Every structure is written in structure tokens, then in C-alpha cells.
């Protein structure tokens, strides 16, 4: 659509990007307003117009270089008391200045180091990000600039991700994607809130929102430590109905235990425990299906080296006999929920095979993967639903066999 109104809209967007960049470069007290203005540029990185995306990228790069060079802020101009009061009321600051400074500096240093390390790596980009700006390595200065403000940018964006309008959710998802791409592992301390927000929208009714949230999860999966986010995901995958079994809130070393430990400095992978017994309710199995979709998006961004230490625990969890297969014949409501979960389990395992490569087809991991897929492939209860999950399970089994054969050939050489 290149109508006159569309062209005029593009002009306004370019003017907005230029104006925001100029404000962040020259306005007095620009650091105090960075968290309010940066999201507009981060959102523009996903604009449907290529020129807007490139302009936002160049602008953020220049701002990052300016901040990295330590350019002094312009002298603040005097303001009237009523304007000062309005500015204070609109502030999104939520912690003392010293604490904000320390927190921002730590995040900036972490993001800068990650960019430097990624620049020397040659790993191919995840398929979900190919053809986008987010498949590349961000510039160091801009990464540090965004990471320094990340703790102030994320809360409003995550809140807007639950907005009732698709337009607002899209804007929030675009902002989060840009912020997470720049900040990299600096997002680790925000993982609990981020994963909860992703789980609500990764299967959003709006296709654009769902796609952008998948990309956000992919970026997190690539840049954050699996030993931190995997227990958080598994805590949501292993829940069962409490009517027949007393399910603990968390297992020792799990996601909730990590959060009680305080902060993102803990980097030890947790042991995953699966609670068995009882008949799972439709709502619970539906929640499990959503988190399987999220786990697949996270795994899509991870490398084989990142996944390898966690494969056994992860596959032991999903290979549980009743993980996505009911013990008894299910009614229509639970049968539909189980079928949806089985389909998402197969989609996740297909992604895991692609991401982890030969490691997931070897030894005990290969047996667990085979067992999980065979259970789904042999379920007789979903004929009325077209055997979609069974077909996907058989396709995944073919991928396992091919991966195992390639691994055997490689070991032979």
C-alpha cells in the first residue's frame, strides 16, 4: 500500500525518529529521560518500512557511540515550578539514584562483554531471526546504552504486552524485541517476569504479536543462561492437578528456589523433578501446551553447546508416561487439551532435534526422545482430531533416525 496517506505516515515516522534522536543527543538531563524515549527507537527497529528500520538502527548506533565516548550533558535550563512538578509526576524512576546507577552500569558492562564475545563467534543465526536485523550482533555502544536503561524499559513494555488492543501489544512486542536484542544476558535478572509475559502472548490471536514474542524468546534463549531459565520453564511444565496429589510449589534447586536466592548471579543448573499421579485438568494441560511452545522458541535460539548439559534432565521430564498422554480415556474437553499439548510437544521436540543436533540422539537422551515420541505416536484417542500430533510425532521420529545416523557416521570417521 503506497497510498498518499501511507507515504505521509512514513514521513511522520522518519521525523519522529530524527526528533527523538536529537533529543537524546542534545537535551538537558537526557539520561533522566532515556528510558522514556529509547522505546520509540527500539520499536522502530521492527517497523514494516525498511528505511525506518535502518534509520532507527543508525540513530541508536550513533547515540551509543556518543554515550560510550562520555559526552557531557548540556547544562540544564531553568524550568518553572509547575513544569518541574509535572516532570516529577511523570517520572518512571523506581529506585534511588545510586542504586539505579550501579544496576545500570552492571547491566551495561554485561551487555558490552556479550557483544564483544559474539563478534568473535561464527555460530549461524537462529531460523526464527534470519533475514532480520536481530540475526546480527548489535554495536557495543548501543548495547550498553539500552542495557543501562533496561530495568526501566521492561516493566512498561511488559505491561503493555497484555493490552486488549493488538496494536498496543504489537508495539510492546517490538519494543521488547529491540531491548532484548541489545541487552543480551543483561536481561537474565528479569527472566521470571519476561517468561510469564511471553507465556500469555506467544500464542496470541494476532499473528504479528505471536511472531514477535517468539522472536523475543529466541533472543532470550540465545543470550541468557539455560541454567537460569530452564528451571523457571520446567516449574510450569511439571504442574499437575492437586485433587489427587499434593504437588509442591517448587523442587529444590528449581526456578522458585533460584528466585529466592536473589539475583541473576546464580548460574547452576537445577535438577528437574516431575510429579506423577493424578488426572490432569484441561486447564493445566492447556497451560503446559503454552509453555511447551515457549520452550520451543527458547530452544530455537540456543546452541548445541548451550543445550548439551541440560538435555538429559529435560528429556527425562518430557518422557514421563503421563506428561502429555492421559492415563485413562479423556472426555472431550480434556481430550482436545491433550491433543493440543501433544502437538506442541512434537513441535518442541522437532525444534530440539534441530537445535541440539546429534547430542539428543545419542545414548540415554536418544532413548528418552524416542520413548516420548512413540507414546504420542501410539495414542489412539485423537482420530476425531485428524491424528495431527501422531503425524507430527512420526515426522519427528524420522528426524531422530536421520540425526542418529549422521552422528554414527561422524563418530565412524
Protein backbone atom coordinates (compact mmCIF):
# COMPACT_ATOMS: atom_id res chain seq x y z
CA UNK A 1 0.00 0.00 0.00
CA UNK A 2 1.73 3.17 -1.26
CA UNK A 3 -1.24 5.49 -0.93
CA UNK A 4 -0.60 9.20 -0.23
CA UNK A 5 -1.72 8.76 3.39
CA UNK A 6 0.71 5.86 3.82
CA UNK A 7 3.56 7.91 2.38
CA UNK A 8 2.71 10.81 4.67
CA UNK A 9 2.74 8.42 7.62
CA UNK A 10 6.26 7.29 6.70
CA UNK A 11 7.39 10.91 6.61
CA UNK A 12 5.99 11.49 10.10
CA UNK A 13 7.75 8.39 11.40
CA UNK A 14 11.08 9.50 9.95
CA UNK A 15 10.61 12.92 11.52
CA UNK A 16 9.80 11.26 14.85
CA UNK A 17 12.96 9.13 14.74
CA UNK A 18 15.07 12.21 13.93
CA UNK A 19 13.44 14.26 16.68
CA UNK A 20 13.84 11.59 19.37
CA UNK A 21 17.46 11.05 18.37
CA UNK A 22 18.14 14.76 18.56
CA UNK A 23 16.51 14.99 21.99
CA UNK A 24 18.55 12.08 23.35
CA UNK A 25 21.73 13.62 21.96
CA UNK A 26 21.28 17.26 22.96
CA UNK A 27 18.55 17.77 25.54
CA UNK A 28 19.45 18.70 29.13
CA UNK A 29 19.19 15.80 31.59
CA UNK A 30 18.95 13.37 28.71
CA UNK A 31 19.91 10.42 30.93
CA UNK A 32 16.88 11.02 33.11
CA UNK A 33 14.58 10.76 30.08
CA UNK A 34 16.39 7.99 28.17
CA UNK A 35 14.10 5.21 29.40
CA UNK A 36 11.07 7.14 28.18
CA UNK A 37 12.45 7.98 24.72
CA UNK A 38 14.51 4.91 23.82
CA UNK A 39 11.46 2.60 23.46
CA UNK A 40 10.28 4.65 20.47
CA UNK A 41 13.53 3.93 18.65
CA UNK A 42 13.56 0.29 19.77
CA UNK A 43 10.04 -0.17 18.44
CA UNK A 44 11.04 1.40 15.10
CA UNK A 45 13.62 -1.39 14.61
CA UNK A 46 10.68 -3.64 13.66
CA UNK A 47 8.82 -1.13 11.52
CA UNK A 48 7.28 -2.50 8.35
CA UNK A 49 9.21 0.07 6.28
CA UNK A 50 12.85 -0.81 5.65
CA UNK A 51 14.02 2.82 5.64
CA UNK A 52 12.52 3.41 9.10
CA UNK A 53 14.21 0.29 10.47
CA UNK A 54 17.58 1.34 9.10
CA UNK A 55 17.18 4.91 10.34
CA UNK A 56 16.36 3.71 13.86
CA UNK A 57 19.35 1.35 13.80
CA UNK A 58 21.74 4.09 12.67
CA UNK A 59 20.32 6.50 15.24
CA UNK A 60 20.77 4.06 18.12
CA UNK A 61 24.30 3.29 16.95
CA UNK A 62 25.20 7.00 16.96
CA UNK A 63 23.61 7.52 20.38
CA UNK A 64 25.51 4.54 21.72
CA UNK A 65 28.80 5.87 20.40
CA UNK A 66 28.02 9.25 21.94
CA UNK A 67 27.27 7.70 25.34
CA UNK A 68 30.31 5.46 25.16
CA UNK A 69 32.55 8.44 24.44
CA UNK A 70 31.32 10.04 27.65
CA UNK A 71 29.97 13.20 26.06
CA UNK A 72 28.94 15.65 28.81
CA UNK A 73 25.28 16.51 29.18
CA UNK A 74 24.18 20.02 28.19
CA UNK A 75 23.67 22.47 31.04
CA UNK A 76 20.13 22.09 32.40
CA UNK A 77 17.85 25.01 31.64
CA UNK A 78 15.76 26.59 34.41
CA UNK A 79 12.13 25.48 34.45
CA UNK A 80 9.05 26.82 36.16
CA UNK A 81 7.88 25.11 39.39
CA UNK A 82 4.71 23.75 37.76
CA UNK A 83 6.72 22.20 34.90
CA UNK A 84 9.17 20.68 37.37
CA UNK A 85 6.27 19.18 39.34
CA UNK A 86 4.74 17.73 36.17
CA UNK A 87 8.07 16.20 35.17
CA UNK A 88 8.45 14.63 38.60
CA UNK A 89 4.94 13.18 38.46
CA UNK A 90 5.60 11.65 35.05
CA UNK A 91 8.88 10.09 36.13
CA UNK A 92 9.27 6.30 35.87
CA UNK A 93 12.16 6.17 38.33
CA UNK A 94 11.60 3.47 40.93
CA UNK A 95 14.81 3.33 42.96
CA UNK A 96 17.40 5.71 44.46
CA UNK A 97 19.90 7.26 42.07
CA UNK A 98 22.90 5.39 43.45
CA UNK A 99 21.11 2.06 43.13
CA UNK A 100 19.96 2.83 39.59
CA UNK A 101 23.46 3.88 38.60
CA UNK A 102 25.03 0.70 39.97
CA UNK A 103 22.38 -1.52 38.44
CA UNK A 104 22.62 0.18 35.07
CA UNK A 105 26.42 0.08 35.00
CA UNK A 106 26.44 -3.63 35.78
CA UNK A 107 23.94 -4.38 33.03
CA UNK A 108 25.84 -2.22 30.54
CA UNK A 109 29.12 -3.98 31.29
CA UNK A 110 27.45 -7.38 30.88
CA UNK A 111 25.89 -6.42 27.55
CA UNK A 112 29.13 -4.92 26.25
CA UNK A 113 31.10 -8.05 27.11
CA UNK A 114 28.48 -10.26 25.45
CA UNK A 115 28.61 -8.23 22.23
CA UNK A 116 32.40 -8.44 22.18
CA UNK A 117 32.25 -12.22 22.62
CA UNK A 118 29.52 -12.64 19.99
CA UNK A 119 31.54 -10.61 17.48
CA UNK A 120 34.25 -13.29 17.61
CA UNK A 121 31.82 -16.19 17.26
CA UNK A 122 30.68 -17.68 13.96
CA UNK A 123 27.51 -19.53 15.00
CA UNK A 124 24.72 -19.32 12.40
CA UNK A 125 21.70 -17.23 13.41
CA UNK A 126 18.52 -19.00 14.57
CA UNK A 127 16.00 -19.66 11.82
CA UNK A 128 13.37 -17.54 13.60
CA UNK A 129 15.61 -14.46 13.26
CA UNK A 130 17.06 -14.98 9.79
CA UNK A 131 16.54 -12.12 7.42
CA UNK A 132 16.06 -9.63 10.25
CA UNK A 133 18.33 -7.13 11.95
CA UNK A 134 18.15 -9.29 15.08
CA UNK A 135 20.18 -12.07 13.45
CA UNK A 136 23.25 -9.80 13.60
CA UNK A 137 25.42 -8.65 16.50
CA UNK A 138 24.42 -5.22 17.86
CA UNK A 139 27.03 -2.44 18.19
CA UNK A 140 28.73 -2.28 21.58
CA UNK A 141 27.85 1.33 22.40
CA UNK A 142 24.14 0.94 21.66
CA UNK A 143 24.03 -2.36 23.56
CA UNK A 144 25.47 -0.72 26.64
CA UNK A 145 23.15 2.28 26.29
CA UNK A 146 20.00 0.14 26.17
CA UNK A 147 21.16 -2.31 28.84
CA UNK A 148 21.82 0.57 31.24
CA UNK A 149 18.13 1.53 30.99
CA UNK A 150 16.74 -1.99 30.69
CA UNK A 151 15.32 -2.22 34.22
CA UNK A 152 13.24 0.89 33.50
CA UNK A 153 12.24 -0.02 29.93
CA UNK A 154 10.97 -3.55 30.56
CA UNK A 155 8.15 -3.06 33.11
CA UNK A 156 6.04 -0.65 30.99
CA UNK A 157 6.61 -2.75 27.87
CA UNK A 158 5.63 -5.99 29.60
CA UNK A 159 2.51 -4.34 30.99
CA UNK A 160 1.52 -3.11 27.54
CA UNK A 161 2.04 -6.62 26.16
CA UNK A 162 -1.21 -7.55 27.96
CA UNK A 163 -3.18 -4.68 26.46
CA UNK A 164 -6.57 -5.51 24.96
CA UNK A 165 -5.68 -3.97 21.58
CA UNK A 166 -3.47 -5.79 19.10
CA UNK A 167 -1.82 -2.52 18.09
CA UNK A 168 -0.59 -1.87 21.63
CA UNK A 169 0.58 -5.47 22.05
CA UNK A 170 2.48 -5.27 18.76
CA UNK A 171 4.16 -2.04 19.85
CA UNK A 172 5.14 -3.63 23.16
CA UNK A 173 6.47 -6.80 21.50
CA UNK A 174 8.52 -4.72 19.02
CA UNK A 175 9.98 -2.68 21.88
CA UNK A 176 10.84 -5.78 23.90
CA UNK A 177 12.50 -7.43 20.91
CA UNK A 178 14.78 -4.46 20.33
CA UNK A 179 15.59 -4.08 24.03
CA UNK A 180 16.38 -7.78 24.49
CA UNK A 181 18.50 -7.91 21.32
CA UNK A 182 20.69 -5.07 22.51
CA UNK A 183 20.92 -6.03 26.17
CA UNK A 184 21.62 -9.74 25.72
CA UNK A 185 22.45 -11.52 29.02
CA UNK A 186 21.68 -8.35 30.98
CA UNK A 187 18.04 -9.48 30.75
CA UNK A 188 18.74 -12.50 32.94
CA UNK A 189 17.61 -10.90 36.17
CA UNK A 190 14.24 -10.11 34.59
CA UNK A 191 13.57 -13.64 33.33
CA UNK A 192 10.73 -14.54 35.68
CA UNK A 193 8.62 -11.57 34.57
CA UNK A 194 9.66 -11.91 30.92
CA UNK A 195 8.77 -15.59 30.66
CA UNK A 196 5.40 -15.01 32.31
CA UNK A 197 4.66 -12.21 29.84
CA UNK A 198 5.77 -14.35 26.89
CA UNK A 199 3.57 -17.26 28.01
CA UNK A 200 0.50 -15.01 27.84
CA UNK A 201 1.13 -13.87 24.28
CA UNK A 202 3.29 -16.44 22.47
CA UNK A 203 0.08 -17.93 21.07
CA UNK A 204 -1.61 -14.56 20.67
CA UNK A 205 -4.61 -14.36 18.37
CA UNK A 206 -2.76 -11.69 16.38
CA UNK A 207 -0.17 -13.38 14.19
CA UNK A 208 2.26 -10.44 14.25
CA UNK A 209 2.24 -10.30 18.05
CA UNK A 210 2.80 -14.06 18.32
CA UNK A 211 5.68 -13.91 15.83
CA UNK A 212 7.41 -11.06 17.64
CA UNK A 213 7.05 -12.77 21.01
CA UNK A 214 8.59 -15.94 19.54
CA UNK A 215 11.49 -13.84 18.34
CA UNK A 216 11.83 -12.29 21.80
CA UNK A 217 12.00 -15.76 23.33
CA UNK A 218 14.52 -16.83 20.69
CA UNK A 219 16.76 -13.88 21.57
CA UNK A 220 16.49 -14.76 25.28
CA UNK A 221 17.27 -18.40 24.51
CA UNK A 222 20.37 -17.37 22.63
CA UNK A 223 21.76 -14.81 25.08
CA UNK A 224 20.68 -15.93 28.57
CA UNK A 225 21.98 -18.92 30.53
CA UNK A 226 19.88 -22.09 30.21
CA UNK A 227 20.81 -22.99 33.77
CA UNK A 228 18.76 -19.99 34.87
CA UNK A 229 15.71 -20.02 32.62
CA UNK A 230 15.24 -23.78 32.17
CA UNK A 231 14.14 -24.39 35.80
CA UNK A 232 11.71 -21.48 35.53
CA UNK A 233 10.10 -23.09 32.48
CA UNK A 234 10.11 -26.58 33.96
CA UNK A 235 8.31 -25.39 37.09
CA UNK A 236 5.38 -24.55 34.82
CA UNK A 237 5.60 -27.74 32.74
CA UNK A 238 5.51 -30.20 35.63
CA UNK A 239 2.39 -28.95 37.45
CA UNK A 240 -0.43 -31.49 37.85
CA UNK A 241 -3.88 -31.31 39.38
CA UNK A 242 -3.83 -31.09 43.18
CA UNK A 243 -7.03 -33.08 43.70
CA UNK A 244 -5.23 -36.44 43.74
CA UNK A 245 -1.67 -35.49 44.61
CA UNK A 246 -0.01 -32.93 46.82
CA UNK A 247 2.14 -31.03 44.35
CA UNK A 248 4.98 -28.99 45.84
CA UNK A 249 5.23 -25.37 44.73
CA UNK A 250 8.79 -25.94 43.56
CA UNK A 251 11.54 -28.51 43.78
CA UNK A 252 14.90 -27.91 45.46
CA UNK A 253 17.06 -26.02 43.07
CA UNK A 254 14.15 -25.22 40.77
CA UNK A 255 13.04 -21.92 39.36
CA UNK A 256 11.34 -20.65 42.51
CA UNK A 257 14.39 -21.62 44.56
CA UNK A 258 16.60 -19.64 42.19
CA UNK A 259 14.41 -16.58 42.65
CA UNK A 260 14.54 -16.85 46.43
CA UNK A 261 18.32 -16.92 46.14
CA UNK A 262 18.11 -13.37 44.85
CA UNK A 263 19.51 -12.06 41.60
CA UNK A 264 20.93 -13.48 38.43
CA UNK A 265 24.37 -14.34 39.75
CA UNK A 266 23.45 -17.96 40.39
CA UNK A 267 24.41 -19.94 37.28
CA UNK A 268 23.98 -23.54 38.47
CA UNK A 269 21.56 -25.71 36.55
CA UNK A 270 18.78 -27.16 38.68
CA UNK A 271 17.70 -30.79 38.81
CA UNK A 272 14.25 -31.27 37.35
CA UNK A 273 11.73 -33.42 39.21
CA UNK A 274 8.46 -34.49 37.63
CA UNK A 275 5.48 -35.16 39.88
CA UNK A 276 3.44 -38.16 38.78
CA UNK A 277 -0.03 -39.36 39.66
CA UNK A 278 -3.48 -37.94 39.37
CA UNK A 279 -5.50 -36.90 36.36
CA UNK A 280 -4.52 -33.56 34.93
CA UNK A 281 -7.25 -30.99 34.33
CA UNK A 282 -7.82 -29.45 30.92
CA UNK A 283 -6.74 -26.00 32.10
CA UNK A 284 -3.48 -27.36 33.47
CA UNK A 285 -2.65 -29.33 30.34
CA UNK A 286 -3.53 -26.25 28.27
CA UNK A 287 -1.03 -24.24 30.30
CA UNK A 288 1.55 -26.95 29.72
CA UNK A 289 0.94 -26.70 25.97
CA UNK A 290 1.63 -22.96 26.00
CA UNK A 291 4.85 -23.41 27.95
CA UNK A 292 5.95 -26.10 25.50
CA UNK A 293 5.54 -23.56 22.73
CA UNK A 294 7.61 -21.09 24.74
CA UNK A 295 10.27 -23.71 25.46
CA UNK A 296 10.48 -24.44 21.75
CA UNK A 297 11.06 -20.76 20.98
CA UNK A 298 13.74 -20.55 23.67
CA UNK A 299 15.43 -23.68 22.34
CA UNK A 300 15.37 -22.26 18.81
CA UNK A 301 17.83 -19.60 19.94
CA UNK A 302 20.14 -21.90 21.92
CA UNK A 303 23.26 -23.51 20.51
CA UNK A 304 24.11 -27.23 20.82
CA UNK A 305 26.80 -26.31 23.33
CA UNK A 306 24.27 -24.45 25.49
CA UNK A 307 21.72 -27.26 25.33
CA UNK A 308 24.03 -30.24 25.89
CA UNK A 309 24.36 -30.02 29.73
CA UNK A 310 20.56 -29.84 30.12
CA UNK A 311 19.39 -32.40 27.58
CA UNK A 312 19.17 -35.40 29.91
CA UNK A 313 17.14 -33.63 32.61
CA UNK A 314 14.88 -32.02 30.04
CA UNK A 315 14.20 -35.25 28.14
CA UNK A 316 13.59 -37.17 31.36
CA UNK A 317 10.85 -34.67 32.15
CA UNK A 318 9.04 -34.81 28.83
CA UNK A 319 9.44 -38.62 28.53
CA UNK A 320 7.29 -39.13 31.64
CA UNK A 321 4.49 -41.61 30.75
CA UNK A 322 1.70 -39.14 31.53
CA UNK A 323 3.43 -35.90 30.53
CA UNK A 324 1.12 -35.29 27.57
CA UNK A 325 -0.68 -38.64 27.45
CA UNK A 326 -3.64 -39.26 29.81
CA UNK A 327 -3.66 -42.36 31.99
CA UNK A 328 -7.30 -43.03 31.16
CA UNK A 329 -9.65 -42.16 28.34
CA UNK A 330 -10.36 -38.43 28.47
CA UNK A 331 -13.61 -36.58 27.98
CA UNK A 332 -14.00 -34.24 25.00
CA UNK A 333 -12.64 -31.19 26.82
CA UNK A 334 -9.56 -32.87 28.23
CA UNK A 335 -9.09 -34.92 25.06
CA UNK A 336 -8.85 -31.74 23.00
CA UNK A 337 -6.45 -30.22 25.53
CA UNK A 338 -4.25 -33.31 25.49
CA UNK A 339 -4.21 -33.39 21.68
CA UNK A 340 -3.11 -29.74 21.57
CA UNK A 341 -0.39 -30.44 24.14
CA UNK A 342 0.81 -33.50 22.22
CA UNK A 343 1.08 -31.46 19.03
CA UNK A 344 3.10 -28.77 20.79
CA UNK A 345 5.29 -31.41 22.42
CA UNK A 346 6.13 -32.82 18.99
CA UNK A 347 6.81 -29.34 17.64
CA UNK A 348 9.11 -28.62 20.58
CA UNK A 349 10.98 -31.93 20.17
CA UNK A 350 11.40 -31.28 16.45
CA UNK A 351 12.94 -27.92 17.30
CA UNK A 352 15.14 -29.53 19.97
CA UNK A 353 16.44 -32.03 17.44
CA UNK A 354 17.28 -29.19 15.07
CA UNK A 355 18.93 -27.07 17.77
CA UNK A 356 20.81 -29.75 19.74
CA UNK A 357 21.86 -31.89 16.80
CA UNK A 358 23.48 -35.26 17.33
CA UNK A 359 23.68 -34.93 21.11
CA UNK A 360 19.96 -35.51 21.60
CA UNK A 361 20.03 -38.74 19.55
CA UNK A 362 22.85 -40.43 21.46
CA UNK A 363 22.68 -42.88 24.36
CA UNK A 364 20.09 -42.27 27.09
CA UNK A 365 18.99 -38.98 25.53
CA UNK A 366 18.13 -40.76 22.30
CA UNK A 367 16.15 -43.41 24.17
CA UNK A 368 14.18 -40.81 26.13
CA UNK A 369 13.44 -38.82 22.99
CA UNK A 370 12.33 -41.95 21.15
CA UNK A 371 10.11 -43.00 24.07
CA UNK A 372 8.37 -39.63 24.27
CA UNK A 373 7.62 -39.56 20.55
CA UNK A 374 6.46 -43.20 20.45
CA UNK A 375 3.99 -42.56 23.26
CA UNK A 376 2.41 -39.75 21.28
CA UNK A 377 2.52 -41.68 18.01
CA UNK A 378 0.63 -44.59 19.58
CA UNK A 379 -2.20 -42.61 21.24
CA UNK A 380 -5.50 -43.93 19.81
CA UNK A 381 -7.82 -41.29 21.22
CA UNK A 382 -7.42 -38.47 18.71
CA UNK A 383 -8.83 -39.97 15.50
CA UNK A 384 -11.59 -37.39 15.53
CA UNK A 385 -8.92 -34.68 15.53
CA UNK A 386 -7.20 -35.95 12.41
CA UNK A 387 -4.18 -37.60 14.07
CA UNK A 388 -2.24 -34.34 13.74
CA UNK A 389 0.00 -34.99 16.74
CA UNK A 390 0.60 -38.61 15.66
CA UNK A 391 1.67 -37.48 12.20
CA UNK A 392 3.99 -34.88 13.69
CA UNK A 393 5.44 -37.47 16.10
CA UNK A 394 6.23 -39.84 13.22
CA UNK A 395 7.90 -36.99 11.31
CA UNK A 396 9.99 -36.20 14.39
CA UNK A 397 10.95 -39.86 14.73
CA UNK A 398 12.26 -39.71 11.17
CA UNK A 399 14.34 -36.67 12.11
CA UNK A 400 15.71 -38.55 15.15
CA UNK A 401 16.69 -41.52 12.97
CA UNK A 402 18.41 -39.26 10.45
CA UNK A 403 20.25 -37.35 13.19
CA UNK A 404 21.33 -40.61 14.85
CA UNK A 405 22.61 -41.95 11.51
CA UNK A 406 24.59 -38.77 10.85
CA UNK A 407 26.04 -38.91 14.37
CA UNK A 408 27.08 -42.54 13.84
CA UNK A 409 28.73 -41.68 10.53
CA UNK A 410 30.61 -38.79 12.16
CA UNK A 411 31.81 -41.00 15.02
CA UNK A 412 32.98 -43.60 12.50
CA UNK A 413 35.22 -41.07 10.80
